Amino acid sequence: MTNFFSKPIANVNRRFFKKKLDTLLDAQHRPYIVEIEKGQDPFEDKYGRVTFFFCQLANTKVPIFQPGTVMFESAVVSTSTLTVHAKGSQQNGPILGNGCALFLAKFMACLIRLYDEKCSGK
């Protein structure tokens, strides 16, 4: 079910998200975000969420979810142990927003850059 909604949303906002990454992500982080080539199948996780972007951490491809991605149960079940509460309200929503998607991309790119530096002994 999630795939049914996630795939067309990811396809529609693919160019928009790529432009955001290119303009708002630091030059040192951009090389770590890989876009799946046109004509290739997108990345799909076990929950059916689809994205056309990922980072490579060692031998693992880590999805970089695009804006509009359906998120976890913590977004809709306020009593979940994963739910984030701050200032008296629930902070995580059912759909990943632009700012959050960009933050997650930057976080993963930074993590992988630092991992690669540590592994290379720099």
Protein backbone atom coordinates (compact mmCIF):
# COMPACT_ATOMS: atom_id res chain seq x y z
CA MET A 1 0.00 0.00 0.00
CA THR A 2 2.77 2.45 0.92
CA ASN A 3 4.53 1.73 -2.38
CA PHE A 4 1.35 2.64 -4.26
CA PHE A 5 1.53 6.20 -2.88
CA SER A 6 5.27 6.55 -2.38
CA LYS A 7 6.50 5.71 -5.89
CA PRO A 8 4.55 8.37 -7.84
CA ILE A 9 5.31 11.03 -5.20
CA ALA A 10 9.04 10.24 -5.34
CA ASN A 11 8.96 10.33 -9.14
CA VAL A 12 7.15 13.68 -9.25
CA ASN A 13 9.42 15.48 -6.79
CA ARG A 14 12.69 13.88 -7.93
CA ARG A 15 13.94 16.92 -9.89
CA PHE A 16 12.78 19.32 -7.16
CA PHE A 17 14.68 17.43 -4.46
CA LYS A 18 17.81 17.14 -6.64
CA LYS A 19 17.74 20.92 -7.13
CA LYS A 20 17.38 21.44 -3.34
CA LEU A 21 20.32 19.13 -2.70
CA ASP A 22 22.44 20.93 -5.29
CA THR A 23 21.67 24.40 -3.96
CA LEU A 24 21.36 23.86 -0.19
CA LEU A 25 23.80 21.05 0.56
CA ASP A 26 27.45 21.94 1.16
CA ALA A 27 29.82 21.08 -1.70
CA GLN A 28 31.72 18.68 0.59
CA HIS A 29 28.53 16.64 1.20
CA ARG A 30 27.03 16.55 -2.31
CA PRO A 31 29.29 13.79 -3.68
CA TYR A 32 27.94 11.37 -1.08
CA ILE A 33 24.34 11.62 -2.29
CA VAL A 34 23.79 9.32 -5.26
CA GLU A 35 20.81 9.66 -7.57
CA ILE A 36 19.56 6.47 -9.21
CA GLU A 37 19.89 6.79 -12.97
CA LYS A 38 16.80 7.48 -15.04
CA GLY A 39 15.25 4.27 -16.28
CA GLN A 40 16.54 2.30 -13.26
CA ASP A 41 14.23 1.07 -10.52
CA PRO A 42 14.12 3.31 -7.43
CA PHE A 43 15.27 2.20 -4.00
CA GLU A 44 12.43 0.62 -1.99
CA ASP A 45 12.69 -0.33 1.67
CA LYS A 46 10.86 -3.16 3.42
CA TYR A 47 8.00 -0.78 4.33
CA GLY A 48 7.34 0.11 0.67
CA ARG A 49 8.80 3.62 0.87
CA VAL A 50 10.44 4.65 -2.39
CA THR A 51 13.28 7.07 -3.14
CA PHE A 52 15.59 7.82 -6.04
CA PHE A 53 18.49 8.84 -3.76
CA PHE A 54 20.88 6.97 -1.48
CA CYS A 55 24.28 7.13 0.24
CA GLN A 56 26.81 4.32 0.28
CA LEU A 57 28.14 3.41 3.76
CA ALA A 58 30.70 0.63 3.38
CA ASN A 59 28.78 -2.12 1.53
CA THR A 60 25.35 -0.79 2.43
CA LYS A 61 23.12 1.52 0.43
CA VAL A 62 21.27 3.83 2.81
CA PRO A 63 18.12 5.43 1.36
CA ILE A 64 17.85 9.21 1.37
CA PHE A 65 14.11 9.65 1.51
CA GLN A 66 12.57 12.47 -0.49
CA PRO A 67 9.96 14.99 0.66
CA GLY A 68 6.51 13.40 0.70
CA THR A 69 7.72 10.04 2.02
CA VAL A 70 5.31 8.30 4.40
CA MET A 71 7.03 7.92 7.77
CA PHE A 72 6.85 5.50 10.72
CA GLU A 73 4.04 4.76 13.15
CA SER A 74 5.56 7.30 15.53
CA ALA A 75 4.19 9.99 13.25
CA VAL A 76 0.58 9.02 13.80
CA VAL A 77 0.47 7.06 17.06
CA SER A 78 1.05 9.60 19.82
CA THR A 79 1.60 6.89 22.46
CA SER A 80 4.41 5.18 20.53
CA THR A 81 7.75 5.02 22.35
CA LEU A 82 9.36 6.45 19.19
CA THR A 83 7.23 9.60 19.11
CA VAL A 84 9.07 12.90 19.57
CA HIS A 85 7.33 15.37 21.89
CA ALA A 86 8.68 18.88 22.36
CA LYS A 87 7.13 22.05 23.71
CA GLY A 88 3.88 20.24 24.44
CA SER A 89 3.24 18.96 20.90
CA GLN A 90 4.16 16.02 18.71
CA GLN A 91 7.03 17.04 16.39
CA ASN A 92 7.11 14.22 13.85
CA GLY A 93 4.42 14.14 11.20
CA PRO A 94 3.10 11.37 8.95
CA ILE A 95 4.84 12.80 5.85
CA LEU A 96 8.51 13.78 5.55
CA GLY A 97 8.78 17.51 4.83
CA ASN A 98 11.33 19.44 2.73
CA GLY A 99 13.47 20.61 5.64
CA CYS A 100 13.55 17.20 7.31
CA ALA A 101 14.47 15.43 4.06
CA LEU A 102 17.32 17.87 3.48
CA PHE A 103 18.50 17.48 7.09
CA LEU A 104 18.54 13.68 6.79
CA ALA A 105 20.50 13.89 3.51
CA LYS A 106 23.05 16.24 5.10
CA PHE A 107 23.33 14.08 8.22
CA MET A 108 23.97 10.90 6.23
CA ALA A 109 26.45 12.59 3.89
CA CYS A 110 28.35 14.03 6.87
CA LEU A 111 28.35 10.68 8.68
CA ILE A 112 29.68 8.84 5.62
CA ARG A 113 32.31 11.51 4.90
CA LEU A 114 33.62 11.23 8.48
CA TYR A 115 33.47 7.41 8.32
CA ASP A 116 35.48 7.41 5.08
CA GLU A 117 38.05 9.79 6.60
CA LYS A 118 38.46 7.56 9.67
CA CYS A 119 38.80 4.45 7.52
CA SER A 120 41.45 6.07 5.32
CA GLY A 121 43.43 7.30 8.33
CA LYS A 122 43.20 11.02 7.46
